[in-house]
Amino acid sequence: MFASRGELQRRFVEIDGIRTHYLVVGDGRPVVMLHGNGESVADWSRTLPHPASGLRVYAIDLPGAGDSDKPMFDYSAEGLADFVTRFLDALVIERPALVGHSLGGLVALIIA
């Protein structure tokens, strides 16, 4: 069951010179949500405000998407998986559950 678990926060972190936008809400075990190709954190707009109890949910705008920088970058699934791994390291997110759809699902699979 979903319920309000705190205020949705909009944040930025710089990873290898790439200003990266992400949203975070809740407290507890980490869950990282990865959007599909050509999409953004807006894909999760119906679920993010209502995380399940005991979860801290992060949604990242991958490079080139949403409010993140749009640099010259390796936009392959492997390049994005490497970037997400650096995002996890930068925020010290350990052993997260990864949720993705479309390209985000492939990125999650590569990381796993």
PDB file of N, CA and C in Angstrom:
ATOM      1  N   MET A   1       0.844  -1.174   0.000  1.00  0.00           N
ATOM      2  CA  MET A   1       0.000   0.000   0.000  1.00  0.00           C
ATOM      3  C   MET A   1       0.887   1.234   0.000  1.00  0.00           C
ATOM      4  N   PHE A   2       0.538   2.206  -0.809  1.00  0.00           N
ATOM      5  CA  PHE A   2       1.300   3.435  -0.903  1.00  0.00           C
ATOM      6  C   PHE A   2       0.724   4.484   0.046  1.00  0.00           C
ATOM      7  N   ALA A   3       1.594   5.266   0.635  1.00  0.00           N
ATOM      8  CA  ALA A   3       1.190   6.362   1.507  1.00  0.00           C
ATOM      9  C   ALA A   3       2.254   7.441   1.422  1.00  0.00           C
ATOM     10  N   SER A   4       1.917   8.641   1.818  1.00  0.00           N
ATOM     11  CA  SER A   4       2.889   9.724   1.795  1.00  0.00           C
ATOM     12  C   SER A   4       3.999   9.444   2.800  1.00  0.00           C
ATOM     13  N   ARG A   5       5.257   9.525   2.374  1.00  0.00           N
ATOM     14  CA  ARG A   5       6.407   9.238   3.234  1.00  0.00           C
ATOM     15  C   ARG A   5       7.431  10.362   3.155  1.00  0.00           C
ATOM     16  N   GLY A   6       7.008  11.576   3.302  1.00  0.00           N
ATOM     17  CA  GLY A   6       7.942  12.693   3.242  1.00  0.00           C
ATOM     18  C   GLY A   6       7.821  13.440   1.936  1.00  0.00           C
ATOM     19  N   GLU A   7       8.511  14.559   1.908  1.00  0.00           N
ATOM     20  CA  GLU A   7       8.445  15.442   0.757  1.00  0.00           C
ATOM     21  C   GLU A   7       9.416  15.007  -0.334  1.00  0.00           C
ATOM     22  N   LEU A   8       8.940  15.018  -1.545  1.00  0.00           N
ATOM     23  CA  LEU A   8       9.773  14.723  -2.705  1.00  0.00           C
ATOM     24  C   LEU A   8      10.793  15.855  -2.858  1.00  0.00           C
ATOM     25  N   GLN A   9      12.076  15.486  -2.908  1.00  0.00           N
ATOM     26  CA  GLN A   9      13.140  16.475  -2.994  1.00  0.00           C
ATOM     27  C   GLN A   9      13.814  16.410  -4.354  1.00  0.00           C
ATOM     28  N   ARG A  10      14.060  17.583  -4.921  1.00  0.00           N
ATOM     29  CA  ARG A  10      14.759  17.719  -6.203  1.00  0.00           C
ATOM     30  C   ARG A  10      16.201  18.065  -5.892  1.00  0.00           C
ATOM     31  N   ARG A  11      17.137  17.263  -6.424  1.00  0.00           N
ATOM     32  CA  ARG A  11      18.554  17.477  -6.124  1.00  0.00           C
ATOM     33  C   ARG A  11      19.408  17.334  -7.387  1.00  0.00           C
ATOM     34  N   PHE A  12      20.654  17.801  -7.255  1.00  0.00           N
ATOM     35  CA  PHE A  12      21.645  17.648  -8.315  1.00  0.00           C
ATOM     36  C   PHE A  12      22.939  17.140  -7.696  1.00  0.00           C
ATOM     37  N   VAL A  13      23.671  16.352  -8.459  1.00  0.00           N
ATOM     38  CA  VAL A  13      25.001  15.909  -8.076  1.00  0.00           C
ATOM     39  C   VAL A  13      25.857  15.957  -9.341  1.00  0.00           C
ATOM     40  N   GLU A  14      27.129  16.304  -9.178  1.00  0.00           N
ATOM     41  CA  GLU A  14      28.030  16.311 -10.332  1.00  0.00           C
ATOM     42  C   GLU A  14      28.814  15.007 -10.349  1.00  0.00           C
ATOM     43  N   ILE A  15      28.759  14.319 -11.475  1.00  0.00           N
ATOM     44  CA  ILE A  15      29.463  13.050 -11.649  1.00  0.00           C
ATOM     45  C   ILE A  15      30.331  13.169 -12.889  1.00  0.00           C
ATOM     46  N   ASP A  16      31.639  13.131 -12.687  1.00  0.00           N
ATOM     47  CA  ASP A  16      32.586  13.258 -13.798  1.00  0.00           C
ATOM     48  C   ASP A  16      32.276  14.467 -14.672  1.00  0.00           C
ATOM     49  N   GLY A  17      31.955  15.594 -14.034  1.00  0.00           N
ATOM     50  CA  GLY A  17      31.682  16.828 -14.759  1.00  0.00           C
ATOM     51  C   GLY A  17      30.289  16.926 -15.342  1.00  0.00           C
ATOM     52  N   ILE A  18      29.441  15.944 -15.105  1.00  0.00           N
ATOM     53  CA  ILE A  18      28.077  15.945 -15.632  1.00  0.00           C
ATOM     54  C   ILE A  18      27.118  16.297 -14.493  1.00  0.00           C
ATOM     55  N   ARG A  19      26.462  17.440 -14.613  1.00  0.00           N
ATOM     56  CA  ARG A  19      25.463  17.836 -13.613  1.00  0.00           C
ATOM     57  C   ARG A  19      24.247  16.934 -13.806  1.00  0.00           C
ATOM     58  N   THR A  20      23.942  16.192 -12.751  1.00  0.00           N
ATOM     59  CA  THR A  20      22.932  15.138 -12.842  1.00  0.00           C
ATOM     60  C   THR A  20      21.770  15.437 -11.911  1.00  0.00           C
ATOM     61  N   HIS A  21      20.586  15.464 -12.468  1.00  0.00           N
ATOM     62  CA  HIS A  21      19.368  15.739 -11.713  1.00  0.00           C
ATOM     63  C   HIS A  21      18.771  14.424 -11.224  1.00  0.00           C
ATOM     64  N   TYR A  22      18.285  14.458  -9.982  1.00  0.00           N
ATOM     65  CA  TYR A  22      17.556  13.299  -9.466  1.00  0.00           C
ATOM     66  C   TYR A  22      16.536  13.747  -8.442  1.00  0.00           C
ATOM     67  N   LEU A  23      15.559  12.888  -8.197  1.00  0.00           N
ATOM     68  CA  LEU A  23      14.540  13.104  -7.177  1.00  0.00           C
ATOM     69  C   LEU A  23      14.710  12.035  -6.121  1.00  0.00           C
ATOM     70  N   VAL A  24      14.371  12.373  -4.875  1.00  0.00           N
ATOM     71  CA  VAL A  24      14.482  11.410  -3.776  1.00  0.00           C
ATOM     72  C   VAL A  24      13.339  11.641  -2.801  1.00  0.00           C
ATOM     73  N   VAL A  25      12.841  10.541  -2.253  1.00  0.00           N
ATOM     74  CA  VAL A  25      11.764  10.611  -1.267  1.00  0.00           C
ATOM     75  C   VAL A  25      11.807   9.355  -0.405  1.00  0.00           C
ATOM     76  N   GLY A  26      11.366   9.489   0.837  1.00  0.00           N
ATOM     77  CA  GLY A  26      11.228   8.344   1.731  1.00  0.00           C
ATOM     78  C   GLY A  26      12.480   8.060   2.541  1.00  0.00           C
ATOM     79  N   ASP A  27      12.364   7.058   3.398  1.00  0.00           N
ATOM     80  CA  ASP A  27      13.455   6.617   4.257  1.00  0.00           C
ATOM     81  C   ASP A  27      13.480   5.097   4.283  1.00  0.00           C
ATOM     82  N   GLY A  28      14.674   4.539   4.299  1.00  0.00           N
ATOM     83  CA  GLY A  28      14.796   3.094   4.401  1.00  0.00           C
ATOM     84  C   GLY A  28      15.664   2.512   3.314  1.00  0.00           C
ATOM     85  N   ARG A  29      15.327   1.297   2.901  1.00  0.00           N
ATOM     86  CA  ARG A  29      16.115   0.592   1.878  1.00  0.00           C
ATOM     87  C   ARG A  29      16.065   1.357   0.559  1.00  0.00           C
ATOM     88  N   PRO A  30      17.215   1.446  -0.130  1.00  0.00           N
ATOM     89  CA  PRO A  30      17.263   2.239  -1.363  1.00  0.00           C
ATOM     90  C   PRO A  30      16.682   1.512  -2.579  1.00  0.00           C
ATOM     91  N   VAL A  31      15.934   2.270  -3.349  1.00  0.00           N
ATOM     92  CA  VAL A  31      15.399   1.828  -4.636  1.00  0.00           C
ATOM     93  C   VAL A  31      15.767   2.906  -5.646  1.00  0.00           C
ATOM     94  N   VAL A  32      16.347   2.517  -6.779  1.00  0.00           N
ATOM     95  CA  VAL A  32      16.729   3.472  -7.814  1.00  0.00           C
ATOM     96  C   VAL A  32      15.903   3.168  -9.060  1.00  0.00           C
ATOM     97  N   MET A  33      15.214   4.207  -9.543  1.00  0.00           N
ATOM     98  CA  MET A  33      14.327   4.059 -10.695  1.00  0.00           C
ATOM     99  C   MET A  33      14.989   4.674 -11.922  1.00  0.00           C
ATOM    100  N   LEU A  34      15.024   3.897 -13.004  1.00  0.00           N
ATOM    101  CA  LEU A  34      15.706   4.281 -14.242  1.00  0.00           C
ATOM    102  C   LEU A  34      14.691   4.367 -15.379  1.00  0.00           C
ATOM    103  N   HIS A  35      14.614   5.520 -15.993  1.00  0.00           N
ATOM    104  CA  HIS A  35      13.636   5.765 -17.056  1.00  0.00           C
ATOM    105  C   HIS A  35      14.073   5.161 -18.390  1.00  0.00           C
ATOM    106  N   GLY A  36      13.155   5.175 -19.319  1.00  0.00           N
ATOM    107  CA  GLY A  36      13.410   4.651 -20.651  1.00  0.00           C
ATOM    108  C   GLY A  36      14.048   5.678 -21.577  1.00  0.00           C
ATOM    109  N   ASN A  37      14.408   5.234 -22.766  1.00  0.00           N
ATOM    110  CA  ASN A  37      15.043   6.076 -23.777  1.00  0.00           C
ATOM    111  C   ASN A  37      14.119   7.219 -24.167  1.00  0.00           C
ATOM    112  N   GLY A  38      14.675   8.426 -24.179  1.00  0.00           N
ATOM    113  CA  GLY A  38      13.898   9.595 -24.568  1.00  0.00           C
ATOM    114  C   GLY A  38      12.951  10.083 -23.489  1.00  0.00           C
ATOM    115  N   GLU A  39      13.046   9.541 -22.301  1.00  0.00           N
ATOM    116  CA  GLU A  39      12.151   9.902 -21.208  1.00  0.00           C
ATOM    117  C   GLU A  39      12.926  10.606 -20.101  1.00  0.00           C
ATOM    118  N   SER A  40      12.345  10.719 -18.906  1.00  0.00           N
ATOM    119  CA  SER A  40      12.979  11.395 -17.776  1.00  0.00           C
ATOM    120  C   SER A  40      12.342  10.919 -16.479  1.00  0.00           C
ATOM    121  N   VAL A  41      12.720  11.564 -15.367  1.00  0.00           N
ATOM    122  CA  VAL A  41      12.122  11.205 -14.080  1.00  0.00           C
ATOM    123  C   VAL A  41      10.611  11.419 -14.085  1.00  0.00           C
ATOM    124  N   ALA A  42      10.120  12.203 -15.015  1.00  0.00           N
ATOM    125  CA  ALA A  42       8.670  12.413 -15.120  1.00  0.00           C
ATOM    126  C   ALA A  42       7.925  11.095 -15.331  1.00  0.00           C
ATOM    127  N   ASP A  43       8.624  10.074 -15.858  1.00  0.00           N
ATOM    128  CA  ASP A  43       8.001   8.749 -16.029  1.00  0.00           C
ATOM    129  C   ASP A  43       7.472   8.197 -14.716  1.00  0.00           C
ATOM    130  N   TRP A  44       8.083   8.610 -13.617  1.00  0.00           N
ATOM    131  CA  TRP A  44       7.741   8.060 -12.303  1.00  0.00           C
ATOM    132  C   TRP A  44       6.864   9.019 -11.493  1.00  0.00           C
ATOM    133  N   SER A  45       6.254  10.003 -12.140  1.00  0.00           N
ATOM    134  CA  SER A  45       5.523  11.054 -11.431  1.00  0.00           C
ATOM    135  C   SER A  45       4.332  10.537 -10.617  1.00  0.00           C
ATOM    136  N   ARG A  46       3.762   9.423 -10.993  1.00  0.00           N
ATOM    137  CA  ARG A  46       2.614   8.892 -10.234  1.00  0.00           C
ATOM    138  C   ARG A  46       3.041   8.027  -9.051  1.00  0.00           C
ATOM    139  N   THR A  47       4.238   7.475  -9.095  1.00  0.00           N
ATOM    140  CA  THR A  47       4.679   6.597  -8.014  1.00  0.00           C
ATOM    141  C   THR A  47       5.626   7.265  -7.029  1.00  0.00           C
ATOM    142  N   LEU A  48       6.451   8.186  -7.497  1.00  0.00           N
ATOM    143  CA  LEU A  48       7.448   8.806  -6.616  1.00  0.00           C
ATOM    144  C   LEU A  48       6.869   9.494  -5.387  1.00  0.00           C
ATOM    145  N   PRO A  49       5.792  10.235  -5.492  1.00  0.00           N
ATOM    146  CA  PRO A  49       5.305  10.922  -4.295  1.00  0.00           C
ATOM    147  C   PRO A  49       4.771   9.986  -3.208  1.00  0.00           C
ATOM    148  N   HIS A  50       4.640   8.702  -3.505  1.00  0.00           N
ATOM    149  CA  HIS A  50       4.013   7.774  -2.572  1.00  0.00           C
ATOM    150  C   HIS A  50       4.823   6.488  -2.405  1.00  0.00           C
ATOM    151  N   PRO A  51       6.060   6.593  -1.890  1.00  0.00           N
ATOM    152  CA  PRO A  51       6.857   5.365  -1.751  1.00  0.00           C
ATOM    153  C   PRO A  51       6.278   4.454  -0.676  1.00  0.00           C
ATOM    154  N   ALA A  52       6.480   3.172  -0.838  1.00  0.00           N
ATOM    155  CA  ALA A  52       6.064   2.222   0.187  1.00  0.00           C
ATOM    156  C   ALA A  52       6.852   2.487   1.463  1.00  0.00           C
ATOM    157  N   SER A  53       6.271   2.161   2.567  1.00  0.00           N
ATOM    158  CA  SER A  53       6.929   2.335   3.859  1.00  0.00           C
ATOM    159  C   SER A  53       8.261   1.594   3.880  1.00  0.00           C
ATOM    160  N   GLY A  54       9.289   2.233   4.450  1.00  0.00           N
ATOM    161  CA  GLY A  54      10.587   1.589   4.584  1.00  0.00           C
ATOM    162  C   GLY A  54      11.470   1.672   3.358  1.00  0.00           C
ATOM    163  N   LEU A  55      11.104   2.508   2.383  1.00  0.00           N
ATOM    164  CA  LEU A  55      11.911   2.650   1.168  1.00  0.00           C
ATOM    165  C   LEU A  55      12.359   4.088   0.977  1.00  0.00           C
ATOM    166  N   ARG A  56      13.574   4.247   0.511  1.00  0.00           N
ATOM    167  CA  ARG A  56      14.089   5.548   0.065  1.00  0.00           C
ATOM    168  C   ARG A  56      14.248   5.423  -1.447  1.00  0.00           C
ATOM    169  N   VAL A  57      13.467   6.178  -2.181  1.00  0.00           N
ATOM    170  CA  VAL A  57      13.387   6.029  -3.629  1.00  0.00           C
ATOM    171  C   VAL A  57      14.109   7.189  -4.318  1.00  0.00           C
ATOM    172  N   TYR A  58      14.985   6.823  -5.245  1.00  0.00           N
ATOM    173  CA  TYR A  58      15.724   7.779  -6.062  1.00  0.00           C
ATOM    174  C   TYR A  58      15.284   7.576  -7.513  1.00  0.00           C
ATOM    175  N   ALA A  59      15.063   8.673  -8.222  1.00  0.00           N
ATOM    176  CA  ALA A  59      14.818   8.610  -9.664  1.00  0.00           C
ATOM    177  C   ALA A  59      15.815   9.556 -10.320  1.00  0.00           C
ATOM    178  N   ILE A  60      16.586   9.039 -11.231  1.00  0.00           N
ATOM    179  CA  ILE A  60      17.673   9.800 -11.847  1.00  0.00           C
ATOM    180  C   ILE A  60      17.308  10.157 -13.284  1.00  0.00           C
ATOM    181  N   ASP A  61      17.597  11.415 -13.655  1.00  0.00           N
ATOM    182  CA  ASP A  61      17.569  11.796 -15.070  1.00  0.00           C
ATOM    183  C   ASP A  61      18.922  11.369 -15.623  1.00  0.00           C
ATOM    184  N   LEU A  62      18.934  10.355 -16.443  1.00  0.00           N
ATOM    185  CA  LEU A  62      20.185   9.894 -17.042  1.00  0.00           C
ATOM    186  C   LEU A  62      20.804  11.009 -17.883  1.00  0.00           C
ATOM    187  N   PRO A  63      22.105  10.969 -18.138  1.00  0.00           N
ATOM    188  CA  PRO A  63      22.720  11.998 -18.983  1.00  0.00           C
ATOM    189  C   PRO A  63      21.949  12.139 -20.301  1.00  0.00           C
ATOM    190  N   GLY A  64      21.745  13.385 -20.699  1.00  0.00           N
ATOM    191  CA  GLY A  64      21.026  13.638 -21.939  1.00  0.00           C
ATOM    192  C   GLY A  64      19.519  13.703 -21.771  1.00  0.00           C
ATOM    193  N   ALA A  65      19.026  13.526 -20.543  1.00  0.00           N
ATOM    194  CA  ALA A  65      17.584  13.482 -20.320  1.00  0.00           C
ATOM    195  C   ALA A  65      17.159  14.485 -19.254  1.00  0.00           C
ATOM    196  N   GLY A  66      15.929  14.924 -19.350  1.00  0.00           N
ATOM    197  CA  GLY A  66      15.342  15.779 -18.319  1.00  0.00           C
ATOM    198  C   GLY A  66      16.210  16.981 -18.007  1.00  0.00           C
ATOM    199  N   ASP A  67      16.476  17.183 -16.710  1.00  0.00           N
ATOM    200  CA  ASP A  67      17.251  18.335 -16.263  1.00  0.00           C
ATOM    201  C   ASP A  67      18.722  18.020 -16.042  1.00  0.00           C
ATOM    202  N   SER A  68      19.176  16.844 -16.460  1.00  0.00           N
ATOM    203  CA  SER A  68      20.603  16.527 -16.403  1.00  0.00           C
ATOM    204  C   SER A  68      21.302  17.121 -17.620  1.00  0.00           C
ATOM    205  N   ASP A  69      22.628  17.299 -17.500  1.00  0.00           N
ATOM    206  CA  ASP A  69      23.407  17.791 -18.634  1.00  0.00           C
ATOM    207  C   ASP A  69      23.267  16.861 -19.837  1.00  0.00           C
ATOM    208  N   LYS A  70      23.526  17.434 -20.996  1.00  0.00           N
ATOM    209  CA  LYS A  70      23.445  16.692 -22.258  1.00  0.00           C
ATOM    210  C   LYS A  70      24.808  16.746 -22.951  1.00  0.00           C
ATOM    211  N   PRO A  71      25.786  16.053 -22.373  1.00  0.00           N
ATOM    212  CA  PRO A  71      27.165  16.131 -22.878  1.00  0.00           C
ATOM    213  C   PRO A  71      27.418  15.140 -24.023  1.00  0.00           C
ATOM    214  N   MET A  72      28.607  15.285 -24.609  1.00  0.00           N
ATOM    215  CA  MET A  72      29.109  14.221 -25.477  1.00  0.00           C
ATOM    216  C   MET A  72      29.371  13.063 -24.527  1.00  0.00           C
ATOM    217  N   PHE A  73      28.826  11.892 -24.819  1.00  0.00           N
ATOM    218  CA  PHE A  73      28.810  10.826 -23.824  1.00  0.00           C
ATOM    219  C   PHE A  73      28.565   9.502 -24.537  1.00  0.00           C
ATOM    220  N   ASP A  74      28.955   8.418 -23.909  1.00  0.00           N
ATOM    221  CA  ASP A  74      28.647   7.072 -24.409  1.00  0.00           C
ATOM    222  C   ASP A  74      27.230   6.720 -23.950  1.00  0.00           C
ATOM    223  N   TYR A  75      26.248   6.942 -24.826  1.00  0.00           N
ATOM    224  CA  TYR A  75      24.850   6.720 -24.484  1.00  0.00           C
ATOM    225  C   TYR A  75      24.406   5.276 -24.699  1.00  0.00           C
ATOM    226  N   SER A  76      25.345   4.372 -24.873  1.00  0.00           N
ATOM    227  CA  SER A  76      24.972   2.955 -24.984  1.00  0.00           C
ATOM    228  C   SER A  76      24.467   2.479 -23.621  1.00  0.00           C
ATOM    229  N   ALA A  77      23.787   1.349 -23.600  1.00  0.00           N
ATOM    230  CA  ALA A  77      23.314   0.776 -22.333  1.00  0.00           C
ATOM    231  C   ALA A  77      24.481   0.535 -21.391  1.00  0.00           C
ATOM    232  N   GLU A  78      25.602   0.093 -21.924  1.00  0.00           N
ATOM    233  CA  GLU A  78      26.778  -0.172 -21.086  1.00  0.00           C
ATOM    234  C   GLU A  78      27.340   1.127 -20.520  1.00  0.00           C
ATOM    235  N   GLY A  79      27.402   2.187 -21.340  1.00  0.00           N
ATOM    236  CA  GLY A  79      27.884   3.481 -20.880  1.00  0.00           C
ATOM    237  C   GLY A  79      26.982   4.057 -19.798  1.00  0.00           C
ATOM    238  N   LEU A  80      25.677   3.905 -19.973  1.00  0.00           N
ATOM    239  CA  LEU A  80      24.736   4.384 -18.970  1.00  0.00           C
ATOM    240  C   LEU A  80      24.826   3.557 -17.685  1.00  0.00           C
ATOM    241  N   ALA A  81      25.036   2.254 -17.811  1.00  0.00           N
ATOM    242  CA  ALA A  81      25.194   1.409 -16.622  1.00  0.00           C
ATOM    243  C   ALA A  81      26.424   1.837 -15.827  1.00  0.00           C
ATOM    244  N   ASP A  82      27.508   2.135 -16.523  1.00  0.00           N
ATOM    245  CA  ASP A  82      28.709   2.613 -15.851  1.00  0.00           C
ATOM    246  C   ASP A  82      28.422   3.935 -15.140  1.00  0.00           C
ATOM    247  N   PHE A  83      27.680   4.818 -15.792  1.00  0.00           N
ATOM    248  CA  PHE A  83      27.333   6.093 -15.190  1.00  0.00           C
ATOM    249  C   PHE A  83      26.469   5.898 -13.944  1.00  0.00           C
ATOM    250  N   VAL A  84      25.467   5.051 -14.016  1.00  0.00           N
ATOM    251  CA  VAL A  84      24.597   4.805 -12.860  1.00  0.00           C
ATOM    252  C   VAL A  84      25.409   4.234 -11.699  1.00  0.00           C
ATOM    253  N   THR A  85      26.371   3.376 -11.996  1.00  0.00           N
ATOM    254  CA  THR A  85      27.242   2.840 -10.946  1.00  0.00           C
ATOM    255  C   THR A  85      28.017   3.971 -10.270  1.00  0.00           C
ATOM    256  N   ARG A  86      28.494   4.929 -11.036  1.00  0.00           N
ATOM    257  CA  ARG A  86      29.202   6.082 -10.459  1.00  0.00           C
ATOM    258  C   ARG A  86      28.240   6.967  -9.655  1.00  0.00           C
ATOM    259  N   PHE A  87      26.994   7.076 -10.113  1.00  0.00           N
ATOM    260  CA  PHE A  87      25.960   7.798  -9.364  1.00  0.00           C
ATOM    261  C   PHE A  87      25.753   7.133  -7.999  1.00  0.00           C
ATOM    262  N   LEU A  88      25.633   5.823  -7.993  1.00  0.00           N
ATOM    263  CA  LEU A  88      25.448   5.087  -6.732  1.00  0.00           C
ATOM    264  C   LEU A  88      26.629   5.308  -5.801  1.00  0.00           C
ATOM    265  N   ASP A  89      27.829   5.269  -6.350  1.00  0.00           N
ATOM    266  CA  ASP A  89      29.035   5.506  -5.541  1.00  0.00           C
ATOM    267  C   ASP A  89      29.051   6.928  -4.985  1.00  0.00           C
ATOM    268  N   ALA A  90      28.695   7.910  -5.810  1.00  0.00           N
ATOM    269  CA  ALA A  90      28.739   9.311  -5.389  1.00  0.00           C
ATOM    270  C   ALA A  90      27.773   9.582  -4.238  1.00  0.00           C
ATOM    271  N   LEU A  91      26.625   8.929  -4.252  1.00  0.00           N
ATOM    272  CA  LEU A  91      25.628   9.134  -3.208  1.00  0.00           C
ATOM    273  C   LEU A  91      25.740   8.095  -2.082  1.00  0.00           C
ATOM    274  N   VAL A  92      26.725   7.204  -2.211  1.00  0.00           N
ATOM    275  CA  VAL A  92      26.946   6.122  -1.240  1.00  0.00           C
ATOM    276  C   VAL A  92      25.640   5.339  -1.045  1.00  0.00           C
ATOM    277  N   ILE A  93      25.083   4.901  -2.160  1.00  0.00           N
ATOM    278  CA  ILE A  93      23.887   4.057  -2.148  1.00  0.00           C
ATOM    279  C   ILE A  93      24.371   2.623  -2.313  1.00  0.00           C
ATOM    280  N   GLU A  94      24.194   1.828  -1.272  1.00  0.00           N
ATOM    281  CA  GLU A  94      24.692   0.456  -1.281  1.00  0.00           C
ATOM    282  C   GLU A  94      23.549  -0.541  -1.477  1.00  0.00           C
ATOM    283  N   ARG A  95      23.789  -1.489  -2.350  1.00  0.00           N
ATOM    284  CA  ARG A  95      22.878  -2.600  -2.602  1.00  0.00           C
ATOM    285  C   ARG A  95      21.428  -2.165  -2.860  1.00  0.00           C
ATOM    286  N   PRO A  96      21.233  -1.245  -3.821  1.00  0.00           N
ATOM    287  CA  PRO A  96      19.869  -0.794  -4.087  1.00  0.00           C
ATOM    288  C   PRO A  96      19.098  -1.819  -4.915  1.00  0.00           C
ATOM    289  N   ALA A  97      17.792  -1.762  -4.794  1.00  0.00           N
ATOM    290  CA  ALA A  97      16.933  -2.430  -5.767  1.00  0.00           C
ATOM    291  C   ALA A  97      16.876  -1.493  -6.965  1.00  0.00           C
ATOM    292  N   LEU A  98      16.986  -2.034  -8.163  1.00  0.00           N
ATOM    293  CA  LEU A  98      16.923  -1.232  -9.379  1.00  0.00           C
ATOM    294  C   LEU A  98      15.609  -1.518 -10.087  1.00  0.00           C
ATOM    295  N   VAL A  99      14.920  -0.453 -10.473  1.00  0.00           N
ATOM    296  CA  VAL A  99      13.655  -0.560 -11.193  1.00  0.00           C
ATOM    297  C   VAL A  99      13.818   0.224 -12.477  1.00  0.00           C
ATOM    298  N   GLY A 100      13.566  -0.406 -13.595  1.00  0.00           N
ATOM    299  CA  GLY A 100      13.702   0.296 -14.859  1.00  0.00           C
ATOM    300  C   GLY A 100      12.690  -0.188 -15.871  1.00  0.00           C
ATOM    301  N   HIS A 101      12.424   0.654 -16.843  1.00  0.00           N
ATOM    302  CA  HIS A 101      11.609   0.212 -17.968  1.00  0.00           C
ATOM    303  C   HIS A 101      12.322   0.588 -19.250  1.00  0.00           C
ATOM    304  N   SER A 102      12.069  -0.182 -20.281  1.00  0.00           N
ATOM    305  CA  SER A 102      12.690   0.048 -21.574  1.00  0.00           C
ATOM    306  C   SER A 102      14.211   0.084 -21.399  1.00  0.00           C
ATOM    307  N   LEU A 103      14.869   1.121 -21.872  1.00  0.00           N
ATOM    308  CA  LEU A 103      16.320   1.212 -21.747  1.00  0.00           C
ATOM    309  C   LEU A 103      16.757   1.150 -20.283  1.00  0.00           C
ATOM    310  N   GLY A 104      15.993   1.764 -19.384  1.00  0.00           N
ATOM    311  CA  GLY A 104      16.315   1.718 -17.961  1.00  0.00           C
ATOM    312  C   GLY A 104      16.331   0.295 -17.428  1.00  0.00           C
ATOM    313  N   GLY A 105      15.450  -0.557 -17.943  1.00  0.00           N
ATOM    314  CA  GLY A 105      15.448  -1.963 -17.545  1.00  0.00           C
ATOM    315  C   GLY A 105      16.706  -2.674 -17.997  1.00  0.00           C
ATOM    316  N   LEU A 106      17.154  -2.366 -19.212  1.00  0.00           N
ATOM    317  CA  LEU A 106      18.401  -2.971 -19.709  1.00  0.00           C
ATOM    318  C   LEU A 106      19.599  -2.483 -18.896  1.00  0.00           C
ATOM    319  N   VAL A 107      19.620  -1.204 -18.561  1.00  0.00           N
ATOM    320  CA  VAL A 107      20.691  -0.655 -17.737  1.00  0.00           C
ATOM    321  C   VAL A 107      20.721  -1.368 -16.372  1.00  0.00           C
ATOM    322  N   ALA A 108      19.548  -1.539 -15.775  1.00  0.00           N
ATOM    323  CA  ALA A 108      19.459  -2.252 -14.483  1.00  0.00           C
ATOM    324  C   ALA A 108      19.975  -3.687 -14.610  1.00  0.00           C
ATOM    325  N   LEU A 109      19.640  -4.353 -15.683  1.00  0.00           N
ATOM    326  CA  LEU A 109      20.084  -5.729 -15.910  1.00  0.00           C
ATOM    327  C   LEU A 109      21.603  -5.783 -16.033  1.00  0.00           C
ATOM    328  N   ILE A 110      22.193  -4.862 -16.746  1.00  0.00           N
ATOM    329  CA  ILE A 110      23.650  -4.832 -16.901  1.00  0.00           C
ATOM    330  C   ILE A 110      24.323  -4.620 -15.544  1.00  0.00           C
ATOM    331  N   ILE A 111      23.782  -3.712 -14.737  1.00  0.00           N
ATOM    332  CA  ILE A 111      24.360  -3.460 -13.415  1.00  0.00           C
ATOM    333  C   ILE A 111      24.238  -4.692 -12.537  1.00  0.00           C
ATOM    334  N   ALA A 112      23.100  -5.352 -12.599  1.00  0.00           N
ATOM    335  CA  ALA A 112      22.892  -6.554 -11.768  1.00  0.00           C
ATOM    336  C   ALA A 112      23.843  -7.649 -12.179  1.00  0.00           C
TER     337      ALA A 112
END
